N, C-alpha and C. Protein backbone atom coordinates (compact mmCIF):
# COMPACT_ATOMS: atom_id res chain seq x y z
N MET A 1 0.47 5.87 -47.93
CA MET A 1 1.48 5.35 -49.10
C MET A 1 2.61 6.40 -49.23
N PRO A 2 3.64 5.67 -49.84
CA PRO A 2 4.73 6.54 -49.70
C PRO A 2 4.59 7.78 -50.30
N ALA A 3 5.70 8.59 -49.43
CA ALA A 3 6.01 10.14 -50.12
C ALA A 3 5.97 10.39 -51.75
N ALA A 4 6.18 9.88 -51.95
CA ALA A 4 7.16 10.09 -53.64
C ALA A 4 5.90 9.38 -54.33
N LEU A 5 5.21 8.38 -53.96
CA LEU A 5 4.25 8.28 -54.80
C LEU A 5 2.76 8.95 -54.54
N ASP A 6 2.66 9.70 -53.14
CA ASP A 6 1.56 10.49 -52.89
C ASP A 6 1.80 12.08 -53.80
N GLU A 7 3.05 12.56 -54.16
CA GLU A 7 3.43 13.38 -55.18
C GLU A 7 3.18 13.12 -56.43
N LEU A 8 3.55 11.96 -56.87
CA LEU A 8 3.14 11.77 -58.18
C LEU A 8 1.53 11.53 -58.60
N VAL A 9 0.91 11.27 -57.44
CA VAL A 9 -0.44 11.21 -57.78
C VAL A 9 -1.31 12.28 -57.38
N GLU A 10 -0.71 12.72 -56.61
CA GLU A 10 -1.50 14.27 -56.49
C GLU A 10 -1.08 15.04 -57.78
N GLU A 11 0.19 15.26 -58.16
CA GLU A 11 0.49 15.87 -59.43
C GLU A 11 -0.48 15.39 -60.80
N LEU A 12 -0.62 14.40 -61.02
CA LEU A 12 -1.74 13.75 -61.72
C LEU A 12 -3.21 14.30 -61.74
N ARG A 13 -3.21 14.27 -59.98
CA ARG A 13 -4.81 14.27 -59.92
C ARG A 13 -5.04 15.62 -60.52
N ASP A 14 -4.20 16.56 -59.90
CA ASP A 14 -4.26 18.46 -60.21
C ASP A 14 -4.44 18.72 -61.51
N ALA A 15 -3.80 17.99 -62.41
CA ALA A 15 -3.68 17.82 -64.03
C ALA A 15 -4.73 18.19 -64.40
N ASP A 16 -5.20 18.91 -65.69
CA ASP A 16 -6.33 18.84 -66.37
C ASP A 16 -6.01 17.38 -67.40
N ARG A 17 -6.96 17.32 -68.03
CA ARG A 17 -6.45 16.01 -68.95
C ARG A 17 -5.21 16.18 -69.67
N GLN A 18 -5.30 17.37 -70.58
CA GLN A 18 -3.97 17.32 -71.38
C GLN A 18 -3.00 17.20 -70.95
N GLU A 19 -2.73 18.07 -69.44
CA GLU A 19 -1.23 17.82 -68.50
C GLU A 19 -1.18 16.46 -68.17
N ARG A 20 -2.39 15.61 -67.76
CA ARG A 20 -2.18 14.33 -67.50
C ARG A 20 -1.43 13.88 -68.60
N ILE A 21 -1.76 13.74 -69.73
CA ILE A 21 -1.43 12.95 -70.74
C ILE A 21 -0.12 13.42 -71.01
N GLU A 22 0.60 14.56 -70.87
CA GLU A 22 2.18 15.00 -70.43
C GLU A 22 2.60 14.48 -70.19
N LEU A 23 1.77 14.82 -68.60
CA LEU A 23 3.03 14.27 -67.53
C LEU A 23 2.68 12.68 -67.86
N LEU A 24 2.10 11.69 -68.12
CA LEU A 24 2.41 10.01 -68.31
C LEU A 24 3.45 10.02 -69.56
N ILE A 25 3.56 10.89 -70.68
CA ILE A 25 4.37 10.56 -71.33
C ILE A 25 5.90 11.05 -71.13
N ASP A 26 5.92 12.14 -70.21
CA ASP A 26 7.04 12.14 -69.53
C ASP A 26 7.23 11.11 -68.42
N LEU A 27 6.40 10.91 -67.71
CA LEU A 27 6.99 9.47 -66.64
C LEU A 27 7.73 8.68 -67.67
N ALA A 28 6.60 7.77 -68.84
CA ALA A 28 7.09 7.18 -69.96
C ALA A 28 8.56 7.08 -70.36
N ASN A 29 8.83 8.20 -70.45
CA ASN A 29 10.24 8.61 -71.03
C ASN A 29 11.17 8.09 -70.03
N ASP A 30 10.72 8.44 -68.70
CA ASP A 30 11.86 8.38 -67.43
C ASP A 30 12.13 6.94 -67.11
N LEU A 31 11.15 5.92 -67.42
CA LEU A 31 11.12 4.22 -67.30
C LEU A 31 12.64 4.32 -67.35
N PRO A 32 13.67 3.84 -66.38
CA PRO A 32 14.86 3.44 -66.73
C PRO A 32 14.99 1.79 -67.50
N PRO A 33 15.86 1.83 -68.11
CA PRO A 33 15.78 0.77 -68.98
C PRO A 33 16.34 -0.85 -67.80
N LEU A 34 15.71 -1.81 -68.11
CA LEU A 34 16.08 -2.77 -67.19
C LEU A 34 17.34 -3.29 -67.11
N PRO A 35 18.22 -3.94 -66.07
CA PRO A 35 19.23 -4.39 -65.73
C PRO A 35 19.45 -5.52 -66.54
N ASP A 36 20.87 -5.75 -67.25
CA ASP A 36 21.56 -6.65 -67.84
C ASP A 36 20.79 -7.83 -67.04
N ARG A 37 21.57 -7.83 -66.05
CA ARG A 37 21.11 -9.02 -64.98
C ARG A 37 19.29 -9.68 -65.11
N LEU A 38 18.86 -8.70 -65.09
CA LEU A 38 17.29 -9.18 -65.28
C LEU A 38 16.86 -9.53 -66.61
N SER A 39 17.38 -8.73 -67.94
CA SER A 39 16.59 -8.81 -69.28
C SER A 39 16.55 -10.07 -70.01
N HIS A 40 17.70 -10.68 -68.93
CA HIS A 40 17.73 -12.45 -69.85
C HIS A 40 16.16 -13.19 -69.42
N HIS A 41 15.60 -12.54 -68.29
CA HIS A 41 14.61 -13.39 -67.47
C HIS A 41 13.07 -12.73 -67.85
N LYS A 42 12.98 -12.41 -68.79
CA LYS A 42 11.35 -12.06 -69.48
C LYS A 42 10.80 -13.12 -69.63
N ASP A 43 10.25 -13.70 -68.90
CA ASP A 43 9.52 -14.90 -68.99
C ASP A 43 7.93 -14.87 -67.84
N GLU A 44 7.09 -15.48 -68.39
CA GLU A 44 5.57 -15.58 -68.29
C GLU A 44 5.69 -15.71 -66.65
N ALA A 45 6.64 -15.95 -65.72
CA ALA A 45 6.51 -15.32 -64.35
C ALA A 45 6.93 -13.94 -63.91
N HIS A 46 7.45 -13.18 -64.96
CA HIS A 46 7.71 -12.06 -64.56
C HIS A 46 6.45 -11.16 -65.57
N ARG A 47 5.30 -11.66 -66.22
CA ARG A 47 4.98 -11.00 -67.25
C ARG A 47 3.37 -10.48 -66.44
N VAL A 48 2.94 -9.55 -66.71
CA VAL A 48 1.52 -9.04 -65.96
C VAL A 48 0.45 -9.37 -66.97
N PRO A 49 0.10 -10.45 -67.06
CA PRO A 49 -0.87 -11.16 -68.02
C PRO A 49 -2.22 -10.42 -68.51
N GLU A 50 -2.76 -9.23 -67.34
CA GLU A 50 -3.85 -8.78 -67.03
C GLU A 50 -3.60 -7.24 -68.30
N CYS A 51 -2.20 -7.29 -68.53
CA CYS A 51 -2.50 -5.92 -69.39
C CYS A 51 -1.90 -6.59 -70.68
N GLN A 52 -2.49 -5.91 -72.00
CA GLN A 52 -2.20 -6.42 -73.07
C GLN A 52 -1.13 -6.35 -73.27
N SER A 53 -0.27 -4.92 -72.96
CA SER A 53 0.98 -4.72 -73.36
C SER A 53 1.94 -5.49 -72.86
N PRO A 54 3.19 -5.91 -73.36
CA PRO A 54 4.30 -7.41 -72.85
C PRO A 54 4.61 -5.96 -71.12
N VAL A 55 4.21 -6.30 -70.30
CA VAL A 55 4.78 -5.65 -69.55
C VAL A 55 5.80 -6.62 -68.21
N PHE A 56 6.86 -6.32 -68.06
CA PHE A 56 7.47 -7.38 -67.02
C PHE A 56 8.13 -6.61 -65.76
N LEU A 57 7.61 -7.16 -64.70
CA LEU A 57 7.96 -6.38 -63.36
C LEU A 57 8.69 -7.49 -62.78
N PHE A 58 10.00 -7.19 -62.05
CA PHE A 58 10.88 -7.58 -61.36
C PHE A 58 10.91 -6.83 -59.56
N LEU A 59 11.10 -7.72 -58.92
CA LEU A 59 11.68 -7.21 -57.57
C LEU A 59 12.66 -7.69 -57.11
N GLU A 60 13.72 -7.08 -55.80
CA GLU A 60 15.12 -7.85 -55.20
C GLU A 60 14.65 -7.06 -54.07
N ARG A 61 14.98 -7.49 -53.01
CA ARG A 61 15.03 -7.38 -51.75
C ARG A 61 16.30 -6.32 -51.12
N GLU A 62 16.16 -5.69 -50.59
CA GLU A 62 17.69 -5.10 -49.92
C GLU A 62 17.33 -4.75 -48.27
N GLY A 63 17.56 -5.68 -47.80
CA GLY A 63 17.04 -5.43 -46.39
C GLY A 63 15.64 -5.15 -46.19
N PRO A 64 15.04 -4.15 -45.54
CA PRO A 64 13.92 -3.98 -45.57
C PRO A 64 12.50 -3.37 -46.41
N LYS A 65 13.81 -2.84 -47.56
CA LYS A 65 13.41 -2.37 -48.77
C LYS A 65 13.25 -3.21 -49.85
N VAL A 66 12.37 -2.71 -50.75
CA VAL A 66 12.20 -3.54 -52.13
C VAL A 66 12.66 -2.57 -53.24
N ARG A 67 13.22 -3.54 -54.27
CA ARG A 67 13.56 -2.44 -55.28
C ARG A 67 12.85 -3.48 -56.71
N ILE A 68 12.32 -2.19 -57.36
CA ILE A 68 11.33 -2.74 -58.36
C ILE A 68 12.19 -2.24 -59.35
N PHE A 69 12.13 -3.40 -60.92
CA PHE A 69 12.68 -3.31 -62.21
C PHE A 69 11.51 -3.26 -63.10
N ALA A 70 11.44 -2.68 -64.07
CA ALA A 70 10.30 -3.31 -64.84
C ALA A 70 10.87 -2.92 -66.42
N GLU A 71 10.25 -3.37 -67.49
CA GLU A 71 10.36 -3.53 -68.61
C GLU A 71 8.52 -3.31 -69.67
N VAL A 72 8.33 -2.32 -70.36
CA VAL A 72 7.27 -1.79 -70.63
C VAL A 72 7.61 -1.34 -72.22
N PRO A 73 7.43 -1.15 -73.20
CA PRO A 73 7.81 -1.11 -74.47
C PRO A 73 7.37 0.18 -74.87
N PRO A 74 8.23 0.86 -75.46
CA PRO A 74 7.65 2.18 -75.68
C PRO A 74 6.30 2.55 -76.40
N GLU A 75 5.97 1.46 -77.33
CA GLU A 75 5.00 1.54 -78.22
C GLU A 75 3.38 1.80 -77.05
N ALA A 76 3.18 1.59 -75.85
CA ALA A 76 2.34 1.73 -75.05
C ALA A 76 2.81 2.81 -74.08
N PRO A 77 3.03 4.07 -74.25
CA PRO A 77 3.66 5.23 -73.32
C PRO A 77 2.54 5.15 -72.29
N THR A 78 1.12 5.34 -71.94
CA THR A 78 0.58 5.55 -71.15
C THR A 78 0.35 4.07 -70.20
N VAL A 79 0.57 2.77 -70.64
CA VAL A 79 1.34 1.90 -69.74
C VAL A 79 2.30 2.06 -68.89
N ARG A 80 3.45 2.28 -70.00
CA ARG A 80 5.06 2.65 -69.21
C ARG A 80 4.65 3.76 -68.29
N GLY A 81 4.02 5.20 -68.37
CA GLY A 81 3.97 6.17 -67.65
C GLY A 81 3.53 5.69 -66.57
N PHE A 82 2.37 4.49 -66.72
CA PHE A 82 1.90 3.97 -65.06
C PHE A 82 2.86 3.17 -64.82
N VAL A 83 3.24 2.73 -64.83
CA VAL A 83 4.97 1.47 -64.56
C VAL A 83 5.35 2.20 -63.90
N CYS A 84 6.20 3.31 -64.81
CA CYS A 84 7.64 4.45 -64.23
C CYS A 84 6.73 4.81 -62.82
N LEU A 85 5.38 5.43 -62.72
CA LEU A 85 4.96 6.21 -61.72
C LEU A 85 5.25 4.71 -60.44
N LEU A 86 4.63 3.92 -60.52
CA LEU A 86 4.76 3.07 -59.43
C LEU A 86 6.53 2.59 -59.56
N VAL A 87 7.45 2.62 -59.69
CA VAL A 87 8.47 2.71 -59.93
C VAL A 87 8.88 3.79 -59.47
N GLN A 88 9.18 4.85 -59.50
CA GLN A 88 9.01 5.86 -59.24
C GLN A 88 8.79 6.05 -57.59
N GLY A 89 7.68 5.93 -57.30
CA GLY A 89 6.96 6.14 -56.39
C GLY A 89 7.15 4.92 -55.35
N LEU A 90 7.56 3.62 -55.68
CA LEU A 90 7.53 3.24 -54.40
C LEU A 90 8.81 1.86 -54.90
N ASP A 91 9.73 2.47 -55.66
CA ASP A 91 11.27 1.62 -55.54
C ASP A 91 11.87 1.95 -54.10
N GLY A 92 12.33 1.30 -53.52
CA GLY A 92 13.09 1.58 -52.14
C GLY A 92 12.20 1.83 -50.70
N ALA A 93 10.48 0.83 -51.43
CA ALA A 93 9.74 1.27 -50.16
C ALA A 93 9.54 -0.42 -49.35
N THR A 94 9.49 0.00 -48.42
CA THR A 94 8.87 -1.30 -47.58
C THR A 94 7.93 -2.43 -48.16
N ALA A 95 8.04 -3.64 -48.04
CA ALA A 95 6.58 -4.37 -48.58
C ALA A 95 5.47 -4.30 -47.95
N ALA A 96 5.31 -3.54 -46.70
CA ALA A 96 4.21 -3.46 -46.15
C ALA A 96 3.66 -2.01 -46.57
N GLU A 97 4.63 -0.97 -47.55
CA GLU A 97 4.27 0.54 -47.66
C GLU A 97 3.59 -0.18 -48.85
N ILE A 98 4.48 -1.32 -50.04
CA ILE A 98 3.31 -1.42 -51.20
C ILE A 98 2.35 -1.95 -51.28
N LEU A 99 2.33 -2.64 -49.83
CA LEU A 99 1.06 -3.75 -49.89
C LEU A 99 -0.33 -2.81 -49.83
N ASP A 100 0.30 -1.26 -48.77
CA ASP A 100 -0.79 -0.40 -48.30
C ASP A 100 -1.03 0.28 -49.58
N VAL A 101 -0.60 0.21 -50.69
CA VAL A 101 -0.98 1.18 -51.83
C VAL A 101 -2.61 0.65 -51.82
N PRO A 102 -3.24 1.85 -52.01
CA PRO A 102 -4.98 1.70 -52.37
C PRO A 102 -5.26 0.88 -53.93
N ASN A 103 -6.27 -0.30 -53.73
CA ASN A 103 -6.31 -0.51 -54.89
C ASN A 103 -6.88 0.26 -55.90
N ASP A 104 -7.46 1.76 -55.64
CA ASP A 104 -8.15 2.60 -56.68
C ASP A 104 -7.06 3.49 -56.90
N LEU A 105 -5.81 2.75 -56.86
CA LEU A 105 -4.59 3.89 -57.36
C LEU A 105 -4.68 4.92 -58.39
N ILE A 106 -5.29 3.86 -59.84
CA ILE A 106 -5.66 4.76 -61.15
C ILE A 106 -6.61 6.23 -61.00
N GLN A 107 -7.61 5.37 -60.32
CA GLN A 107 -8.90 6.77 -59.85
C GLN A 107 -8.55 7.71 -59.07
N ARG A 108 -7.49 7.79 -58.50
CA ARG A 108 -6.88 8.76 -57.70
C ARG A 108 -6.18 9.59 -58.36
N THR A 109 -5.60 8.78 -59.64
CA THR A 109 -4.63 9.83 -60.62
C THR A 109 -5.77 10.34 -61.45
N GLY A 110 -6.67 10.04 -61.25
CA GLY A 110 -7.62 10.61 -62.43
C GLY A 110 -7.33 9.76 -63.92
N MET A 111 -6.53 8.98 -64.08
CA MET A 111 -6.12 8.33 -65.62
C MET A 111 -7.17 7.40 -65.87
N ALA A 112 -8.35 7.01 -65.10
CA ALA A 112 -9.25 6.24 -65.66
C ALA A 112 -9.88 7.12 -66.20
N GLU A 113 -10.28 8.37 -66.22
CA GLU A 113 -11.21 8.94 -66.90
C GLU A 113 -9.93 9.20 -68.59
N LEU A 114 -9.18 9.02 -68.65
CA LEU A 114 -8.40 9.20 -70.27
C LEU A 114 -8.54 7.54 -70.62
N LEU A 115 -8.73 6.46 -70.04
CA LEU A 115 -8.44 5.35 -70.42
C LEU A 115 -9.73 4.63 -70.23
N GLY A 116 -9.64 4.00 -71.82
CA GLY A 116 -10.96 2.91 -71.43
C GLY A 116 -11.25 2.01 -70.67
N MET A 117 -12.06 1.23 -70.29
CA MET A 117 -12.41 0.26 -69.15
C MET A 117 -11.35 -0.79 -69.49
N GLN A 118 -10.78 -1.42 -70.55
CA GLN A 118 -10.19 -2.20 -70.63
C GLN A 118 -8.72 -2.13 -70.52
N ARG A 119 -8.20 -0.96 -70.93
CA ARG A 119 -6.82 -0.64 -70.06
C ARG A 119 -6.68 -0.03 -69.22
N ALA A 120 -7.64 0.43 -68.73
CA ALA A 120 -7.68 0.72 -67.02
C ALA A 120 -7.50 -0.25 -66.06
N SER A 121 -8.08 -1.59 -66.64
CA SER A 121 -8.04 -2.97 -65.59
C SER A 121 -6.95 -3.44 -66.24
N GLY A 122 -6.01 -3.32 -67.22
CA GLY A 122 -4.89 -4.07 -67.54
C GLY A 122 -3.99 -2.91 -66.40
N LEU A 123 -4.39 -1.64 -66.01
CA LEU A 123 -3.34 -0.78 -65.68
C LEU A 123 -3.35 -1.39 -64.08
N ALA A 124 -4.53 -1.50 -63.55
CA ALA A 124 -4.80 -2.12 -62.33
C ALA A 124 -4.43 -3.05 -61.91
N GLY A 125 -4.77 -4.15 -63.02
CA GLY A 125 -3.61 -5.36 -62.87
C GLY A 125 -2.49 -5.43 -62.74
N VAL A 126 -1.75 -4.46 -62.80
CA VAL A 126 -0.03 -4.40 -62.93
C VAL A 126 0.16 -3.85 -61.39
N LEU A 127 -0.76 -3.45 -60.75
CA LEU A 127 -0.38 -2.55 -59.39
C LEU A 127 -0.73 -4.29 -58.49
N ARG A 128 -1.82 -4.90 -58.77
CA ARG A 128 -2.09 -6.38 -58.13
C ARG A 128 -1.14 -7.31 -58.44
N ARG A 129 -0.73 -7.06 -59.56
CA ARG A 129 0.34 -8.19 -59.94
C ARG A 129 1.89 -8.24 -58.86
N LEU A 130 1.89 -6.43 -58.75
CA LEU A 130 3.58 -6.02 -58.22
C LEU A 130 2.62 -6.30 -56.21
N LYS A 131 1.66 -6.29 -56.23
CA LYS A 131 1.89 -6.42 -55.07
C LYS A 131 1.70 -7.97 -54.57
N LEU A 132 1.11 -8.75 -55.29
CA LEU A 132 1.13 -9.74 -55.46
C LEU A 132 2.64 -10.53 -54.99
N MET A 133 3.31 -10.01 -55.97
CA MET A 133 4.51 -10.58 -56.24
C MET A 133 5.45 -10.04 -54.64
N VAL A 134 5.27 -9.10 -53.58
CA VAL A 134 5.77 -8.34 -52.76
C VAL A 134 5.29 -9.32 -51.69
N ALA A 135 3.93 -9.88 -52.00
CA ALA A 135 3.36 -10.36 -50.81
C ALA A 135 4.24 -11.94 -50.56
N ARG A 136 4.27 -12.46 -52.16
CA ARG A 136 4.96 -13.73 -52.03
C ARG A 136 6.31 -13.66 -51.75
N ALA A 137 7.15 -12.83 -51.95
CA ALA A 137 8.71 -12.44 -51.48
C ALA A 137 8.21 -12.44 -49.86
N GLU A 138 7.64 -11.87 -49.19
CA GLU A 138 7.63 -11.54 -48.17
C GLU A 138 7.56 -13.06 -47.24
N SER A 139 6.49 -13.77 -47.69
CA SER A 139 5.88 -15.10 -47.38
C SER A 139 7.22 -16.03 -47.46
N ASP A 140 7.98 -15.96 -48.26
CA ASP A 140 9.20 -16.74 -48.86
C ASP A 140 10.32 -16.15 -47.93
N ASP A 141 10.39 -14.92 -47.24
CA ASP A 141 11.50 -14.44 -46.65
C ASP A 141 11.57 -14.51 -44.91
N PRO A 142 12.06 -15.67 -44.36
CA PRO A 142 11.80 -16.00 -43.12
C PRO A 142 12.41 -15.25 -42.45
N ALA A 143 13.20 -14.04 -42.95
CA ALA A 143 13.38 -13.07 -41.90
C ALA A 143 12.46 -11.97 -41.58
N SER A 144 11.58 -11.84 -42.39
CA SER A 144 9.88 -11.09 -42.64
C SER A 144 9.34 -11.86 -41.62
N ASN A 145 9.28 -13.18 -41.33
CA ASN A 145 8.17 -13.94 -40.50
C ASN A 145 8.53 -13.43 -39.10
């Protein structure tokens, strides 16, 4: 797991319930706005269907590095916080590093305890969708084969 993501996961895991909520809200406030060049491409191809909140994910390749961009409405702070955790922790990582992120990331952060099963499942869907997008980008890139 990239060091940036590992630090964020550790910080959440080591926090008590109230601190964890506050950290998620702080992360939610830190999610950068979607760049203008991507804001006109919010369609079903970029939406995470597993999540009830409208979450849009975008990837761009910069050599071996993957740039991650996302949009989540402020009305969904826990989802927005988790997505920001992924953006802050994985933006600039390689495809291999992203694909190696453990699927039980939500449990490792301690967030599963805060959320109902449906919301936790939706957040797990965000990570699955991100990894699927990375895998597809890798298979479409002749330089990576």
